[in-house]
Structures are given as C-alpha cells and as structure tokens.
C-alpha cells in the first residue's frame, strides 16, 4: 500500500473524480485525468485509487487525513481477518 500516493490523490480529487479515474483505468488501462497518475500494474492502480476514494470520502465526513488512513487500515485488517 503506497500511503504517499493515496494521501496525494485523496487531497487532490473528489470521490467522483477518483471514481472517474477508476472507470478510465478499467476501460483503457490507465487514468487519463491530469494528476491521476498512479504507479504499478493495472490491479495496483485500481487498488490505490479505491483506497484513495475511501480516504477522501472519510475526510469529507469530517475525519482528519490521519484518522481516515487509520480507518482504512482498520477496514483492511478487518476484511483480512486480523481484527474483529
């Protein structure tokens, strides 16, 4: 998980813009929205964009950036079965 890229995307774009980047990646293999460049193969790009979208949504609900990233990590651990 590239926290730096996730933070930058979450600060720069709205959830709708990030969703547009995800759609573009699914359709043509990479996002074309300026500033939405993410490193890695297609699955890594989609993974990073989805995480950034979640962080941004949490920030828009009133969480700080740090709180949103911690919540994302908690959700990931919960899904992986490492936390209940």
PDB file of N, CA and C in Angstrom:
ATOM      1  N   UNK A   1       0.853  -1.174   0.000  1.00  0.00           N
ATOM      2  CA  UNK A   1       0.000   0.000   0.000  1.00  0.00           C
ATOM      3  C   UNK A   1       0.895   1.233   0.000  1.00  0.00           C
ATOM      4  N   UNK A   2       0.746   2.070  -1.016  1.00  0.00           N
ATOM      5  CA  UNK A   2       1.546   3.280  -1.117  1.00  0.00           C
ATOM      6  C   UNK A   2       0.786   4.447  -0.488  1.00  0.00           C
ATOM      7  N   UNK A   3       1.049   4.680   0.790  1.00  0.00           N
ATOM      8  CA  UNK A   3       0.343   5.711   1.546  1.00  0.00           C
ATOM      9  C   UNK A   3       0.538   7.084   0.916  1.00  0.00           C
ATOM     10  N   UNK A   4       1.724   7.359   0.423  1.00  0.00           N
ATOM     11  CA  UNK A   4       2.007   8.672  -0.162  1.00  0.00           C
ATOM     12  C   UNK A   4       1.076   8.950  -1.346  1.00  0.00           C
ATOM     13  N   UNK A   5       0.953   7.987  -2.250  1.00  0.00           N
ATOM     14  CA  UNK A   5       0.064   8.171  -3.405  1.00  0.00           C
ATOM     15  C   UNK A   5      -1.388   8.296  -2.968  1.00  0.00           C
ATOM     16  N   UNK A   6      -1.792   7.495  -2.012  1.00  0.00           N
ATOM     17  CA  UNK A   6      -3.170   7.547  -1.520  1.00  0.00           C
ATOM     18  C   UNK A   6      -3.469   8.920  -0.931  1.00  0.00           C
ATOM     19  N   UNK A   7      -2.559   9.434  -0.110  1.00  0.00           N
ATOM     20  CA  UNK A   7      -2.748  10.754   0.505  1.00  0.00           C
ATOM     21  C   UNK A   7      -2.832  11.854  -0.551  1.00  0.00           C
ATOM     22  N   UNK A   8      -1.938  11.803  -1.525  1.00  0.00           N
ATOM     23  CA  UNK A   8      -1.919  12.835  -2.566  1.00  0.00           C
ATOM     24  C   UNK A   8      -3.214  12.826  -3.373  1.00  0.00           C
ATOM     25  N   UNK A   9      -3.670  11.649  -3.761  1.00  0.00           N
ATOM     26  CA  UNK A   9      -4.906  11.539  -4.528  1.00  0.00           C
ATOM     27  C   UNK A   9      -6.112  11.995  -3.708  1.00  0.00           C
ATOM     28  N   UNK A  10      -6.148  11.600  -2.436  1.00  0.00           N
ATOM     29  CA  UNK A  10      -7.269  11.965  -1.576  1.00  0.00           C
ATOM     30  C   UNK A  10      -7.341  13.470  -1.351  1.00  0.00           C
ATOM     31  N   UNK A  11      -6.198  14.126  -1.304  1.00  0.00           N
ATOM     32  CA  UNK A  11      -6.170  15.589  -1.124  1.00  0.00           C
ATOM     33  C   UNK A  11      -6.578  16.305  -2.406  1.00  0.00           C
ATOM     34  N   UNK A  12      -6.172  15.757  -3.536  1.00  0.00           N
ATOM     35  CA  UNK A  12      -6.289  16.445  -4.817  1.00  0.00           C
ATOM     36  C   UNK A  12      -7.658  16.291  -5.483  1.00  0.00           C
ATOM     37  N   UNK A  13      -8.296  15.125  -5.311  1.00  0.00           N
ATOM     38  CA  UNK A  13      -9.506  14.819  -6.070  1.00  0.00           C
ATOM     39  C   UNK A  13     -10.702  14.530  -5.179  1.00  0.00           C
ATOM     40  N   UNK A  14     -11.888  14.761  -5.740  1.00  0.00           N
ATOM     41  CA  UNK A  14     -13.127  14.386  -5.064  1.00  0.00           C
ATOM     42  C   UNK A  14     -13.352  12.888  -5.273  1.00  0.00           C
ATOM     43  N   UNK A  15     -14.235  12.287  -4.481  1.00  0.00           N
ATOM     44  CA  UNK A  15     -14.532  10.869  -4.718  1.00  0.00           C
ATOM     45  C   UNK A  15     -15.041  10.615  -6.145  1.00  0.00           C
ATOM     46  N   UNK A  16     -15.799  11.544  -6.691  1.00  0.00           N
ATOM     47  CA  UNK A  16     -16.326  11.386  -8.046  1.00  0.00           C
ATOM     48  C   UNK A  16     -15.198  11.410  -9.081  1.00  0.00           C
ATOM     49  N   UNK A  17     -14.221  12.279  -8.888  1.00  0.00           N
ATOM     50  CA  UNK A  17     -13.089  12.337  -9.810  1.00  0.00           C
ATOM     51  C   UNK A  17     -12.251  11.062  -9.713  1.00  0.00           C
ATOM     52  N   UNK A  18     -12.065  10.565  -8.505  1.00  0.00           N
ATOM     53  CA  UNK A  18     -11.309   9.318  -8.330  1.00  0.00           C
ATOM     54  C   UNK A  18     -12.064   8.167  -8.980  1.00  0.00           C
ATOM     55  N   UNK A  19     -13.374   8.159  -8.846  1.00  0.00           N
ATOM     56  CA  UNK A  19     -14.187   7.128  -9.497  1.00  0.00           C
ATOM     57  C   UNK A  19     -14.024   7.205 -11.008  1.00  0.00           C
ATOM     58  N   UNK A  20     -13.927   8.418 -11.543  1.00  0.00           N
ATOM     59  CA  UNK A  20     -13.682   8.600 -12.979  1.00  0.00           C
ATOM     60  C   UNK A  20     -12.335   7.994 -13.370  1.00  0.00           C
ATOM     61  N   UNK A  21     -11.323   8.191 -12.539  1.00  0.00           N
ATOM     62  CA  UNK A  21     -10.004   7.593 -12.794  1.00  0.00           C
ATOM     63  C   UNK A  21     -10.093   6.069 -12.783  1.00  0.00           C
ATOM     64  N   UNK A  22     -10.879   5.520 -11.866  1.00  0.00           N
ATOM     65  CA  UNK A  22     -11.074   4.070 -11.798  1.00  0.00           C
ATOM     66  C   UNK A  22     -11.750   3.582 -13.077  1.00  0.00           C
ATOM     67  N   UNK A  23     -12.801   4.277 -13.495  1.00  0.00           N
ATOM     68  CA  UNK A  23     -13.506   3.893 -14.723  1.00  0.00           C
ATOM     69  C   UNK A  23     -12.578   3.930 -15.933  1.00  0.00           C
ATOM     70  N   UNK A  24     -11.764   4.986 -16.025  1.00  0.00           N
ATOM     71  CA  UNK A  24     -10.828   5.109 -17.139  1.00  0.00           C
ATOM     72  C   UNK A  24      -9.820   3.963 -17.129  1.00  0.00           C
ATOM     73  N   UNK A  25      -9.351   3.607 -15.949  1.00  0.00           N
ATOM     74  CA  UNK A  25      -8.386   2.512 -15.817  1.00  0.00           C
ATOM     75  C   UNK A  25      -9.018   1.202 -16.275  1.00  0.00           C
ATOM     76  N   UNK A  26     -10.259   0.981 -15.900  1.00  0.00           N
ATOM     77  CA  UNK A  26     -10.946  -0.244 -16.309  1.00  0.00           C
ATOM     78  C   UNK A  26     -11.177  -0.287 -17.821  1.00  0.00           C
ATOM     79  N   UNK A  27     -11.472   0.864 -18.413  1.00  0.00           N
ATOM     80  CA  UNK A  27     -11.792   0.910 -19.841  1.00  0.00           C
ATOM     81  C   UNK A  27     -10.559   0.894 -20.736  1.00  0.00           C
ATOM     82  N   UNK A  28      -9.535   1.703 -20.377  1.00  0.00           N
ATOM     83  CA  UNK A  28      -8.385   1.835 -21.280  1.00  0.00           C
ATOM     84  C   UNK A  28      -7.042   1.452 -20.656  1.00  0.00           C
ATOM     85  N   UNK A  29      -7.076   1.003 -19.403  1.00  0.00           N
ATOM     86  CA  UNK A  29      -5.855   0.512 -18.782  1.00  0.00           C
ATOM     87  C   UNK A  29      -5.077   1.512 -17.962  1.00  0.00           C
ATOM     88  N   UNK A  30      -5.475   2.802 -18.029  1.00  0.00           N
ATOM     89  CA  UNK A  30      -4.815   3.816 -17.210  1.00  0.00           C
ATOM     90  C   UNK A  30      -5.732   5.035 -17.105  1.00  0.00           C
ATOM     91  N   UNK A  31      -5.602   5.790 -16.010  1.00  0.00           N
ATOM     92  CA  UNK A  31      -6.407   7.005 -15.885  1.00  0.00           C
ATOM     93  C   UNK A  31      -5.848   8.110 -16.773  1.00  0.00           C
ATOM     94  N   UNK A  32      -6.734   8.907 -17.349  1.00  0.00           N
ATOM     95  CA  UNK A  32      -6.289  10.000 -18.216  1.00  0.00           C
ATOM     96  C   UNK A  32      -6.479  11.365 -17.567  1.00  0.00           C
ATOM     97  N   UNK A  33      -7.174  11.425 -16.452  1.00  0.00           N
ATOM     98  CA  UNK A  33      -7.366  12.692 -15.759  1.00  0.00           C
ATOM     99  C   UNK A  33      -6.010  13.212 -15.289  1.00  0.00           C
ATOM    100  N   UNK A  34      -5.706  14.456 -15.624  1.00  0.00           N
ATOM    101  CA  UNK A  34      -4.409  15.031 -15.271  1.00  0.00           C
ATOM    102  C   UNK A  34      -4.189  14.987 -13.764  1.00  0.00           C
ATOM    103  N   UNK A  35      -3.028  14.484 -13.368  1.00  0.00           N
ATOM    104  CA  UNK A  35      -2.681  14.388 -11.955  1.00  0.00           C
ATOM    105  C   UNK A  35      -3.112  13.089 -11.315  1.00  0.00           C
ATOM    106  N   UNK A  36      -3.768  12.239 -12.066  1.00  0.00           N
ATOM    107  CA  UNK A  36      -4.291  10.988 -11.521  1.00  0.00           C
ATOM    108  C   UNK A  36      -3.391   9.810 -11.898  1.00  0.00           C
ATOM    109  N   UNK A  37      -2.119  10.094 -12.145  1.00  0.00           N
ATOM    110  CA  UNK A  37      -1.182   9.033 -12.495  1.00  0.00           C
ATOM    111  C   UNK A  37      -0.801   8.263 -11.236  1.00  0.00           C
ATOM    112  N   UNK A  38      -0.860   6.962 -11.331  1.00  0.00           N
ATOM    113  CA  UNK A  38      -0.526   6.086 -10.215  1.00  0.00           C
ATOM    114  C   UNK A  38       0.444   5.040 -10.734  1.00  0.00           C
ATOM    115  N   UNK A  39       1.439   4.697  -9.931  1.00  0.00           N
ATOM    116  CA  UNK A  39       2.427   3.713 -10.360  1.00  0.00           C
ATOM    117  C   UNK A  39       1.918   2.293 -10.144  1.00  0.00           C
ATOM    118  N   UNK A  40       2.444   1.372 -10.937  1.00  0.00           N
ATOM    119  CA  UNK A  40       2.123  -0.036 -10.768  1.00  0.00           C
ATOM    120  C   UNK A  40       1.331  -0.592 -11.933  1.00  0.00           C
ATOM    121  N   UNK A  41       1.064  -1.893 -11.848  1.00  0.00           N
ATOM    122  CA  UNK A  41       0.251  -2.525 -12.889  1.00  0.00           C
ATOM    123  C   UNK A  41      -1.212  -2.144 -12.672  1.00  0.00           C
ATOM    124  N   UNK A  42      -2.062  -2.583 -13.557  1.00  0.00           N
ATOM    125  CA  UNK A  42      -3.466  -2.173 -13.524  1.00  0.00           C
ATOM    126  C   UNK A  42      -4.130  -2.491 -12.188  1.00  0.00           C
ATOM    127  N   UNK A  43      -3.888  -3.654 -11.649  1.00  0.00           N
ATOM    128  CA  UNK A  43      -4.508  -4.022 -10.361  1.00  0.00           C
ATOM    129  C   UNK A  43      -4.008  -3.137  -9.233  1.00  0.00           C
ATOM    130  N   UNK A  44      -2.734  -2.804  -9.234  1.00  0.00           N
ATOM    131  CA  UNK A  44      -2.188  -1.909  -8.208  1.00  0.00           C
ATOM    132  C   UNK A  44      -2.784  -0.511  -8.332  1.00  0.00           C
ATOM    133  N   UNK A  45      -2.939  -0.042  -9.567  1.00  0.00           N
ATOM    134  CA  UNK A  45      -3.526   1.280  -9.811  1.00  0.00           C
ATOM    135  C   UNK A  45      -4.956   1.311  -9.288  1.00  0.00           C
ATOM    136  N   UNK A  46      -5.743   0.295  -9.625  1.00  0.00           N
ATOM    137  CA  UNK A  46      -7.126   0.226  -9.152  1.00  0.00           C
ATOM    138  C   UNK A  46      -7.192   0.159  -7.637  1.00  0.00           C
ATOM    139  N   UNK A  47      -6.307  -0.613  -7.040  1.00  0.00           N
ATOM    140  CA  UNK A  47      -6.242  -0.760  -5.591  1.00  0.00           C
ATOM    141  C   UNK A  47      -5.943   0.590  -4.925  1.00  0.00           C
ATOM    142  N   UNK A  48      -4.955   1.297  -5.429  1.00  0.00           N
ATOM    143  CA  UNK A  48      -4.572   2.592  -4.870  1.00  0.00           C
ATOM    144  C   UNK A  48      -5.697   3.613  -5.027  1.00  0.00           C
ATOM    145  N   UNK A  49      -6.315   3.637  -6.202  1.00  0.00           N
ATOM    146  CA  UNK A  49      -7.412   4.577  -6.442  1.00  0.00           C
ATOM    147  C   UNK A  49      -8.604   4.295  -5.532  1.00  0.00           C
ATOM    148  N   UNK A  50      -8.942   3.031  -5.347  1.00  0.00           N
ATOM    149  CA  UNK A  50     -10.062   2.670  -4.476  1.00  0.00           C
ATOM    150  C   UNK A  50      -9.783   3.091  -3.035  1.00  0.00           C
ATOM    151  N   UNK A  51      -8.565   2.898  -2.588  1.00  0.00           N
ATOM    152  CA  UNK A  51      -8.195   3.304  -1.232  1.00  0.00           C
ATOM    153  C   UNK A  51      -8.232   4.823  -1.092  1.00  0.00           C
ATOM    154  N   UNK A  52      -7.747   5.534  -2.087  1.00  0.00           N
ATOM    155  CA  UNK A  52      -7.781   6.998  -2.057  1.00  0.00           C
ATOM    156  C   UNK A  52      -9.219   7.502  -2.027  1.00  0.00           C
ATOM    157  N   UNK A  53     -10.096   6.848  -2.780  1.00  0.00           N
ATOM    158  CA  UNK A  53     -11.506   7.245  -2.793  1.00  0.00           C
ATOM    159  C   UNK A  53     -12.126   7.068  -1.400  1.00  0.00           C
ATOM    160  N   UNK A  54     -11.819   5.962  -0.742  1.00  0.00           N
ATOM    161  CA  UNK A  54     -12.327   5.715   0.604  1.00  0.00           C
ATOM    162  C   UNK A  54     -11.808   6.756   1.580  1.00  0.00           C
ATOM    163  N   UNK A  55     -10.510   7.049   1.509  1.00  0.00           N
ATOM    164  CA  UNK A  55      -9.921   8.053   2.408  1.00  0.00           C
ATOM    165  C   UNK A  55     -10.583   9.409   2.188  1.00  0.00           C
ATOM    166  N   UNK A  56     -10.773   9.796   0.937  1.00  0.00           N
ATOM    167  CA  UNK A  56     -11.392  11.093   0.640  1.00  0.00           C
ATOM    168  C   UNK A  56     -12.829  11.149   1.150  1.00  0.00           C
ATOM    169  N   UNK A  57     -13.580  10.063   0.972  1.00  0.00           N
ATOM    170  CA  UNK A  57     -14.951  10.017   1.472  1.00  0.00           C
ATOM    171  C   UNK A  57     -14.981  10.181   2.987  1.00  0.00           C
ATOM    172  N   UNK A  58     -14.068   9.524   3.678  1.00  0.00           N
ATOM    173  CA  UNK A  58     -13.997   9.644   5.131  1.00  0.00           C
ATOM    174  C   UNK A  58     -13.619  11.067   5.552  1.00  0.00           C
ATOM    175  N   UNK A  59     -12.722  11.683   4.803  1.00  0.00           N
ATOM    176  CA  UNK A  59     -12.327  13.066   5.100  1.00  0.00           C
ATOM    177  C   UNK A  59     -13.516  14.008   4.905  1.00  0.00           C
ATOM    178  N   UNK A  60     -14.314  13.757   3.886  1.00  0.00           N
ATOM    179  CA  UNK A  60     -15.487  14.589   3.648  1.00  0.00           C
ATOM    180  C   UNK A  60     -16.556  14.399   4.714  1.00  0.00           C
ATOM    181  N   UNK A  61     -16.484  13.281   5.438  1.00  0.00           N
ATOM    182  CA  UNK A  61     -17.400  13.032   6.553  1.00  0.00           C
ATOM    183  C   UNK A  61     -16.898  13.665   7.844  1.00  0.00           C
ATOM    184  N   UNK A  62     -15.742  14.328   7.775  1.00  0.00           N
ATOM    185  CA  UNK A  62     -15.243  15.049   8.934  1.00  0.00           C
ATOM    186  C   UNK A  62     -13.994  14.484   9.592  1.00  0.00           C
ATOM    187  N   UNK A  63     -13.490  13.387   9.095  1.00  0.00           N
ATOM    188  CA  UNK A  63     -12.261  12.822   9.664  1.00  0.00           C
ATOM    189  C   UNK A  63     -11.050  13.599   9.158  1.00  0.00           C
ATOM    190  N   UNK A  64     -10.024  13.647   9.984  1.00  0.00           N
ATOM    191  CA  UNK A  64      -8.758  14.210   9.518  1.00  0.00           C
ATOM    192  C   UNK A  64      -8.120  13.190   8.583  1.00  0.00           C
ATOM    193  N   UNK A  65      -7.102  13.623   7.865  1.00  0.00           N
ATOM    194  CA  UNK A  65      -6.404  12.717   6.953  1.00  0.00           C
ATOM    195  C   UNK A  65      -5.849  11.509   7.703  1.00  0.00           C
ATOM    196  N   UNK A  66      -5.236  11.746   8.845  1.00  0.00           N
ATOM    197  CA  UNK A  66      -4.645  10.665   9.636  1.00  0.00           C
ATOM    198  C   UNK A  66      -5.724   9.703  10.129  1.00  0.00           C
ATOM    199  N   UNK A  67      -6.840  10.242  10.617  1.00  0.00           N
ATOM    200  CA  UNK A  67      -7.937   9.386  11.073  1.00  0.00           C
ATOM    201  C   UNK A  67      -8.494   8.545   9.931  1.00  0.00           C
ATOM    202  N   UNK A  68      -8.632   9.162   8.763  1.00  0.00           N
ATOM    203  CA  UNK A  68      -9.169   8.452   7.607  1.00  0.00           C
ATOM    204  C   UNK A  68      -8.249   7.309   7.182  1.00  0.00           C
ATOM    205  N   UNK A  69      -6.954   7.545   7.195  1.00  0.00           N
ATOM    206  CA  UNK A  69      -5.998   6.494   6.830  1.00  0.00           C
ATOM    207  C   UNK A  69      -6.013   5.370   7.863  1.00  0.00           C
ATOM    208  N   UNK A  70      -6.115   5.729   9.128  1.00  0.00           N
ATOM    209  CA  UNK A  70      -6.207   4.698  10.170  1.00  0.00           C
ATOM    210  C   UNK A  70      -7.474   3.872  10.005  1.00  0.00           C
ATOM    211  N   UNK A  71      -8.586   4.546   9.687  1.00  0.00           N
ATOM    212  CA  UNK A  71      -9.844   3.828   9.474  1.00  0.00           C
ATOM    213  C   UNK A  71      -9.733   2.897   8.271  1.00  0.00           C
ATOM    214  N   UNK A  72      -9.105   3.354   7.214  1.00  0.00           N
ATOM    215  CA  UNK A  72      -8.877   2.497   6.047  1.00  0.00           C
ATOM    216  C   UNK A  72      -8.079   1.261   6.450  1.00  0.00           C
ATOM    217  N   UNK A  73      -7.009   1.456   7.202  1.00  0.00           N
ATOM    218  CA  UNK A  73      -6.183   0.329   7.652  1.00  0.00           C
ATOM    219  C   UNK A  73      -6.994  -0.630   8.526  1.00  0.00           C
ATOM    220  N   UNK A  74      -7.846  -0.079   9.406  1.00  0.00           N
ATOM    221  CA  UNK A  74      -8.702  -0.926  10.245  1.00  0.00           C
ATOM    222  C   UNK A  74      -9.635  -1.768   9.384  1.00  0.00           C
ATOM    223  N   UNK A  75     -10.228  -1.144   8.381  1.00  0.00           N
ATOM    224  CA  UNK A  75     -11.148  -1.866   7.490  1.00  0.00           C
ATOM    225  C   UNK A  75     -10.431  -2.973   6.730  1.00  0.00           C
ATOM    226  N   UNK A  76      -9.234  -2.688   6.275  1.00  0.00           N
ATOM    227  CA  UNK A  76      -8.455  -3.700   5.550  1.00  0.00           C
ATOM    228  C   UNK A  76      -8.134  -4.872   6.463  1.00  0.00           C
ATOM    229  N   UNK A  77      -7.667  -4.565   7.679  1.00  0.00           N
ATOM    230  CA  UNK A  77      -7.355  -5.639   8.634  1.00  0.00           C
ATOM    231  C   UNK A  77      -8.594  -6.465   8.955  1.00  0.00           C
ATOM    232  N   UNK A  78      -9.738  -5.798   9.111  1.00  0.00           N
ATOM    233  CA  UNK A  78     -10.990  -6.486   9.421  1.00  0.00           C
ATOM    234  C   UNK A  78     -11.343  -7.449   8.278  1.00  0.00           C
ATOM    235  N   UNK A  79     -11.217  -6.997   7.053  1.00  0.00           N
ATOM    236  CA  UNK A  79     -11.512  -7.839   5.897  1.00  0.00           C
ATOM    237  C   UNK A  79     -10.553  -9.023   5.782  1.00  0.00           C
ATOM    238  N   UNK A  80      -9.310  -8.804   6.190  1.00  0.00           N
ATOM    239  CA  UNK A  80      -8.317  -9.861   6.131  1.00  0.00           C
ATOM    240  C   UNK A  80      -8.412 -10.809   7.311  1.00  0.00           C
ATOM    241  N   UNK A  81      -9.294 -10.486   8.257  1.00  0.00           N
ATOM    242  CA  UNK A  81      -9.498 -11.354   9.397  1.00  0.00           C
ATOM    243  C   UNK A  81      -8.516 -11.137  10.530  1.00  0.00           C
ATOM    244  N   UNK A  82      -7.736 -10.078  10.469  1.00  0.00           N
ATOM    245  CA  UNK A  82      -6.734  -9.822  11.507  1.00  0.00           C
ATOM    246  C   UNK A  82      -7.319  -9.055  12.679  1.00  0.00           C
ATOM    247  N   UNK A  83      -8.511  -8.509  12.521  1.00  0.00           N
ATOM    248  CA  UNK A  83      -9.125  -7.715  13.584  1.00  0.00           C
ATOM    249  C   UNK A  83     -10.621  -7.993  13.590  1.00  0.00           C
ATOM    250  N   UNK A  84     -11.188  -7.953  14.758  1.00  0.00           N
ATOM    251  CA  UNK A  84     -12.646  -8.186  14.851  1.00  0.00           C
ATOM    252  C   UNK A  84     -13.342  -6.935  15.290  1.00  0.00           C
TER     253      UNK A  84
END
